[in-house]
Amino acid sequence: MAKPEYSQLSANYPDFNNSIISLLEEGGGDPSILTPAAKDLLEGDLVALAWHNNTERTEKLSVRDIYSIEEAFRTHGFYGSPDEPLATACCCCTPACCCCAAALVDTVS
């Protein structure tokens, strides 16, 4: 399967000019857990990840970066778990969640 060009995908996902750090601070998350690469993300990047797409910034993320996002949002008001009756997202209002984005990251060989 051909990998889509992130220049095409990023045009479909506005940045919203809202950093991941502000999202965490507003919702009770812990931005200190984020890796340096994860700290550069914007809300639009998280929306792209949630919809199984990429932006220029998300193309460079490692599994460790994705894990730091999940951990940082663990205390956020939107954080959910599989046994909860309501579907929630850790970082954006989409049916998918960036916490599950680790499945999108290619393995490094």
N, C-alpha and C. Protein backbone atom coordinates (compact mmCIF):
# COMPACT_ATOMS: atom_id res chain seq x y z
N MET A 1 0.84 -1.17 0.00
CA MET A 1 0.00 0.00 0.00
C MET A 1 0.89 1.24 0.00
N ALA A 2 0.63 2.15 -0.89
CA ALA A 2 1.44 3.36 -1.01
C ALA A 2 1.17 4.29 0.17
N LYS A 3 2.23 4.85 0.69
CA LYS A 3 2.11 5.77 1.81
C LYS A 3 1.71 7.15 1.27
N PRO A 4 0.62 7.74 1.81
CA PRO A 4 0.19 9.04 1.30
C PRO A 4 1.19 10.13 1.65
N GLU A 5 1.26 11.11 0.81
CA GLU A 5 2.13 12.26 1.07
C GLU A 5 1.51 13.09 2.18
N TYR A 6 2.30 13.42 3.21
CA TYR A 6 1.71 14.20 4.29
C TYR A 6 1.37 15.62 3.87
N SER A 7 1.97 16.10 2.80
CA SER A 7 1.60 17.44 2.32
C SER A 7 0.14 17.46 1.87
N GLN A 8 -0.35 16.34 1.32
CA GLN A 8 -1.76 16.26 0.94
C GLN A 8 -2.65 16.17 2.17
N LEU A 9 -2.22 15.39 3.14
CA LEU A 9 -3.04 15.19 4.33
C LEU A 9 -3.07 16.43 5.21
N SER A 10 -1.95 17.10 5.36
CA SER A 10 -1.92 18.25 6.26
C SER A 10 -2.83 19.36 5.77
N ALA A 11 -3.09 19.42 4.47
CA ALA A 11 -3.99 20.43 3.94
C ALA A 11 -5.42 20.20 4.44
N ASN A 12 -5.75 18.96 4.77
CA ASN A 12 -7.09 18.63 5.23
C ASN A 12 -7.27 18.79 6.74
N TYR A 13 -6.21 19.03 7.46
CA TYR A 13 -6.28 19.13 8.92
C TYR A 13 -5.71 20.47 9.37
N PRO A 14 -6.58 21.44 9.68
CA PRO A 14 -6.06 22.72 10.16
C PRO A 14 -5.39 22.54 11.52
N ASP A 15 -4.44 23.39 11.82
CA ASP A 15 -3.71 23.28 13.09
C ASP A 15 -4.56 23.70 14.28
N PHE A 16 -5.54 24.54 14.08
CA PHE A 16 -6.38 25.11 15.14
C PHE A 16 -5.59 26.02 16.08
N ASN A 17 -4.30 26.21 15.81
CA ASN A 17 -3.44 27.07 16.63
C ASN A 17 -3.59 26.82 18.12
N ASN A 18 -3.74 25.57 18.48
CA ASN A 18 -3.89 25.18 19.88
C ASN A 18 -2.90 24.05 20.15
N SER A 19 -1.94 24.31 20.99
CA SER A 19 -0.89 23.32 21.24
C SER A 19 -1.37 22.19 22.14
N ILE A 20 -0.69 21.07 22.06
CA ILE A 20 -1.01 19.93 22.93
C ILE A 20 -0.82 20.32 24.40
N ILE A 21 0.13 21.19 24.66
CA ILE A 21 0.37 21.62 26.04
C ILE A 21 -0.83 22.38 26.57
N SER A 22 -1.42 23.30 25.75
CA SER A 22 -2.61 24.01 26.23
C SER A 22 -3.79 23.07 26.42
N LEU A 23 -3.93 22.08 25.54
CA LEU A 23 -5.01 21.11 25.71
C LEU A 23 -4.86 20.36 27.04
N LEU A 24 -3.65 19.99 27.35
CA LEU A 24 -3.40 19.27 28.60
C LEU A 24 -3.65 20.16 29.81
N GLU A 25 -3.16 21.39 29.77
CA GLU A 25 -3.32 22.29 30.91
C GLU A 25 -4.78 22.63 31.15
N GLU A 26 -5.56 22.77 30.09
CA GLU A 26 -6.98 23.10 30.23
C GLU A 26 -7.78 21.93 30.79
N GLY A 27 -7.37 20.71 30.51
CA GLY A 27 -8.15 19.55 30.91
C GLY A 27 -7.61 18.78 32.09
N GLY A 28 -6.55 19.25 32.70
CA GLY A 28 -6.01 18.55 33.86
C GLY A 28 -5.00 17.47 33.54
N GLY A 29 -4.45 17.48 32.32
CA GLY A 29 -3.41 16.51 31.96
C GLY A 29 -2.05 16.97 32.46
N ASP A 30 -1.02 16.21 32.16
CA ASP A 30 0.33 16.50 32.64
C ASP A 30 1.30 16.68 31.48
N PRO A 31 1.52 17.93 31.02
CA PRO A 31 2.41 18.15 29.88
C PRO A 31 3.87 17.82 30.14
N SER A 32 4.27 17.71 31.39
CA SER A 32 5.68 17.41 31.69
C SER A 32 6.07 16.00 31.24
N ILE A 33 5.11 15.13 31.01
CA ILE A 33 5.37 13.75 30.60
C ILE A 33 5.72 13.67 29.11
N LEU A 34 5.30 14.64 28.32
CA LEU A 34 5.51 14.59 26.87
C LEU A 34 6.98 14.59 26.48
N THR A 35 7.30 13.85 25.45
CA THR A 35 8.64 13.88 24.87
C THR A 35 8.80 15.20 24.10
N PRO A 36 10.03 15.60 23.78
CA PRO A 36 10.22 16.84 23.01
C PRO A 36 9.44 16.84 21.69
N ALA A 37 9.40 15.72 20.98
CA ALA A 37 8.67 15.68 19.71
C ALA A 37 7.17 15.82 19.93
N ALA A 38 6.65 15.21 20.98
CA ALA A 38 5.21 15.29 21.27
C ALA A 38 4.82 16.71 21.70
N LYS A 39 5.72 17.42 22.35
CA LYS A 39 5.42 18.80 22.78
C LYS A 39 5.23 19.75 21.61
N ASP A 40 5.71 19.39 20.43
CA ASP A 40 5.57 20.25 19.25
C ASP A 40 4.22 20.09 18.55
N LEU A 41 3.41 19.13 18.97
CA LEU A 41 2.16 18.86 18.27
C LEU A 41 1.10 19.91 18.56
N LEU A 42 0.22 20.08 17.58
CA LEU A 42 -0.92 20.97 17.72
C LEU A 42 -2.20 20.14 17.67
N GLU A 43 -3.30 20.76 18.02
CA GLU A 43 -4.58 20.04 18.05
C GLU A 43 -4.90 19.38 16.71
N GLY A 44 -4.59 20.05 15.61
CA GLY A 44 -4.84 19.46 14.29
C GLY A 44 -4.06 18.18 14.06
N ASP A 45 -2.85 18.10 14.62
CA ASP A 45 -2.06 16.87 14.51
C ASP A 45 -2.75 15.72 15.25
N LEU A 46 -3.31 16.02 16.42
CA LEU A 46 -3.99 14.99 17.20
C LEU A 46 -5.26 14.53 16.49
N VAL A 47 -5.96 15.46 15.87
CA VAL A 47 -7.15 15.09 15.10
C VAL A 47 -6.75 14.20 13.92
N ALA A 48 -5.67 14.54 13.25
CA ALA A 48 -5.19 13.71 12.13
C ALA A 48 -4.85 12.31 12.61
N LEU A 49 -4.15 12.19 13.73
CA LEU A 49 -3.83 10.87 14.28
C LEU A 49 -5.10 10.10 14.63
N ALA A 50 -6.06 10.80 15.21
CA ALA A 50 -7.30 10.14 15.60
C ALA A 50 -8.03 9.55 14.40
N TRP A 51 -7.86 10.17 13.25
CA TRP A 51 -8.52 9.68 12.03
C TRP A 51 -7.56 8.86 11.17
N HIS A 52 -6.49 8.36 11.77
CA HIS A 52 -5.53 7.47 11.11
C HIS A 52 -4.85 8.14 9.93
N ASN A 53 -4.55 9.42 10.07
CA ASN A 53 -3.83 10.17 9.05
C ASN A 53 -2.59 10.81 9.67
N ASN A 54 -1.83 11.49 8.85
CA ASN A 54 -0.58 12.08 9.31
C ASN A 54 -0.48 13.54 8.89
N THR A 55 0.37 14.26 9.60
CA THR A 55 0.78 15.60 9.21
C THR A 55 2.30 15.59 9.20
N GLU A 56 2.92 16.68 8.82
CA GLU A 56 4.39 16.72 8.83
C GLU A 56 4.94 16.40 10.21
N ARG A 57 4.31 16.95 11.25
CA ARG A 57 4.82 16.71 12.61
C ARG A 57 4.58 15.28 13.07
N THR A 58 3.46 14.67 12.71
CA THR A 58 3.19 13.31 13.18
C THR A 58 4.01 12.26 12.44
N GLU A 59 4.48 12.58 11.24
CA GLU A 59 5.32 11.64 10.48
C GLU A 59 6.59 11.28 11.24
N LYS A 60 7.05 12.16 12.09
CA LYS A 60 8.33 11.96 12.78
C LYS A 60 8.17 11.34 14.16
N LEU A 61 6.96 11.04 14.59
CA LEU A 61 6.74 10.51 15.93
C LEU A 61 7.19 9.05 16.04
N SER A 62 7.72 8.72 17.20
CA SER A 62 8.08 7.33 17.50
C SER A 62 7.03 6.75 18.44
N VAL A 63 7.13 5.47 18.70
CA VAL A 63 6.22 4.82 19.64
C VAL A 63 6.36 5.47 21.01
N ARG A 64 7.57 5.82 21.40
CA ARG A 64 7.78 6.48 22.70
C ARG A 64 7.04 7.81 22.76
N ASP A 65 7.04 8.56 21.66
CA ASP A 65 6.31 9.84 21.62
C ASP A 65 4.81 9.61 21.80
N ILE A 66 4.28 8.62 21.10
CA ILE A 66 2.85 8.31 21.20
C ILE A 66 2.51 7.87 22.62
N TYR A 67 3.35 7.06 23.22
CA TYR A 67 3.12 6.60 24.59
C TYR A 67 3.12 7.79 25.55
N SER A 68 4.02 8.76 25.33
CA SER A 68 4.05 9.93 26.22
C SER A 68 2.76 10.73 26.11
N ILE A 69 2.17 10.77 24.91
CA ILE A 69 0.88 11.46 24.74
C ILE A 69 -0.20 10.75 25.55
N GLU A 70 -0.23 9.43 25.43
CA GLU A 70 -1.22 8.66 26.19
C GLU A 70 -1.07 8.90 27.68
N GLU A 71 0.15 8.84 28.17
CA GLU A 71 0.40 9.02 29.61
C GLU A 71 0.06 10.44 30.06
N ALA A 72 0.38 11.44 29.24
CA ALA A 72 0.10 12.83 29.61
C ALA A 72 -1.40 13.08 29.72
N PHE A 73 -2.19 12.40 28.89
CA PHE A 73 -3.64 12.59 28.91
C PHE A 73 -4.34 11.68 29.91
N ARG A 74 -3.60 10.82 30.60
CA ARG A 74 -4.22 9.86 31.51
C ARG A 74 -5.07 10.54 32.59
N THR A 75 -4.68 11.72 33.05
CA THR A 75 -5.45 12.43 34.08
C THR A 75 -6.35 13.51 33.49
N HIS A 76 -6.41 13.59 32.16
CA HIS A 76 -7.24 14.58 31.47
C HIS A 76 -8.71 14.20 31.63
N GLY A 77 -9.57 15.20 31.64
CA GLY A 77 -11.00 14.97 31.82
C GLY A 77 -11.65 14.10 30.77
N PHE A 78 -11.09 14.04 29.54
CA PHE A 78 -11.69 13.24 28.48
C PHE A 78 -11.12 11.83 28.40
N TYR A 79 -10.16 11.49 29.24
CA TYR A 79 -9.52 10.18 29.14
C TYR A 79 -10.53 9.09 29.49
N GLY A 80 -10.58 8.04 28.70
CA GLY A 80 -11.53 6.96 28.93
C GLY A 80 -10.85 5.62 28.99
N SER A 81 -11.64 4.59 29.19
CA SER A 81 -11.12 3.23 29.20
C SER A 81 -12.14 2.32 28.54
N PRO A 82 -11.71 1.14 28.08
CA PRO A 82 -12.62 0.24 27.36
C PRO A 82 -13.82 -0.22 28.18
N ASP A 83 -13.70 -0.22 29.52
CA ASP A 83 -14.82 -0.72 30.32
C ASP A 83 -15.80 0.38 30.73
N GLU A 84 -15.62 1.59 30.25
CA GLU A 84 -16.56 2.66 30.56
C GLU A 84 -17.74 2.60 29.60
N PRO A 85 -18.93 2.99 30.08
CA PRO A 85 -20.11 2.91 29.22
C PRO A 85 -20.14 3.95 28.11
N LEU A 86 -19.39 5.04 28.25
CA LEU A 86 -19.39 6.10 27.26
C LEU A 86 -18.10 6.09 26.46
N ALA A 87 -18.21 6.40 25.19
CA ALA A 87 -17.01 6.54 24.36
C ALA A 87 -16.42 7.92 24.59
N THR A 88 -15.15 7.97 24.90
CA THR A 88 -14.49 9.25 25.12
C THR A 88 -13.19 9.28 24.35
N ALA A 89 -12.66 10.46 24.16
CA ALA A 89 -11.37 10.62 23.50
C ALA A 89 -10.47 11.40 24.44
N CYS A 90 -9.20 11.13 24.42
CA CYS A 90 -8.29 11.76 25.37
C CYS A 90 -7.97 13.19 25.01
N CYS A 91 -8.04 13.54 23.74
CA CYS A 91 -7.50 14.84 23.37
C CYS A 91 -8.32 15.61 22.36
N CYS A 92 -9.34 15.02 21.79
CA CYS A 92 -10.13 15.73 20.79
C CYS A 92 -11.50 15.09 20.71
N CYS A 93 -12.41 15.78 20.08
CA CYS A 93 -13.79 15.28 19.98
C CYS A 93 -13.98 14.47 18.71
N THR A 94 -13.35 13.35 18.62
CA THR A 94 -13.51 12.47 17.48
C THR A 94 -13.83 11.08 17.97
N PRO A 95 -14.39 10.23 17.13
CA PRO A 95 -14.70 8.88 17.56
C PRO A 95 -13.46 8.03 17.82
N ALA A 96 -12.36 8.42 17.24
CA ALA A 96 -11.12 7.69 17.48
C ALA A 96 -10.29 8.48 18.49
N CYS A 97 -9.13 7.99 18.83
CA CYS A 97 -8.36 8.65 19.87
C CYS A 97 -6.87 8.56 19.59
N CYS A 98 -6.14 9.61 19.89
CA CYS A 98 -4.70 9.59 19.65
C CYS A 98 -4.00 8.58 20.55
N CYS A 99 -4.64 8.19 21.65
CA CYS A 99 -4.04 7.19 22.52
C CYS A 99 -3.91 5.84 21.81
N CYS A 100 -4.69 5.64 20.78
CA CYS A 100 -4.63 4.39 20.02
C CYS A 100 -3.72 4.52 18.81
N ALA A 101 -3.10 5.66 18.64
CA ALA A 101 -2.33 5.94 17.44
C ALA A 101 -1.05 5.13 17.35
N ALA A 102 -0.64 4.47 18.41
CA ALA A 102 0.57 3.66 18.36
C ALA A 102 0.47 2.61 17.26
N ALA A 103 -0.72 2.18 16.95
CA ALA A 103 -0.92 1.20 15.89
C ALA A 103 -0.59 1.77 14.52
N LEU A 104 -0.52 3.09 14.41
CA LEU A 104 -0.25 3.74 13.13
C LEU A 104 1.23 3.93 12.86
N VAL A 105 2.06 3.78 13.88
CA VAL A 105 3.48 4.06 13.75
C VAL A 105 4.18 2.82 13.21
N ASP A 106 4.90 2.99 12.10
CA ASP A 106 5.64 1.87 11.52
C ASP A 106 6.77 1.45 12.45
N THR A 107 7.08 0.16 12.46
CA THR A 107 8.20 -0.32 13.24
C THR A 107 9.51 0.10 12.58
N VAL A 108 10.51 0.31 13.39
CA VAL A 108 11.82 0.70 12.88
C VAL A 108 12.65 -0.56 12.71
N SER A 109 13.18 -0.76 11.51
CA SER A 109 13.98 -1.97 11.31
C SER A 109 15.43 -1.63 11.12
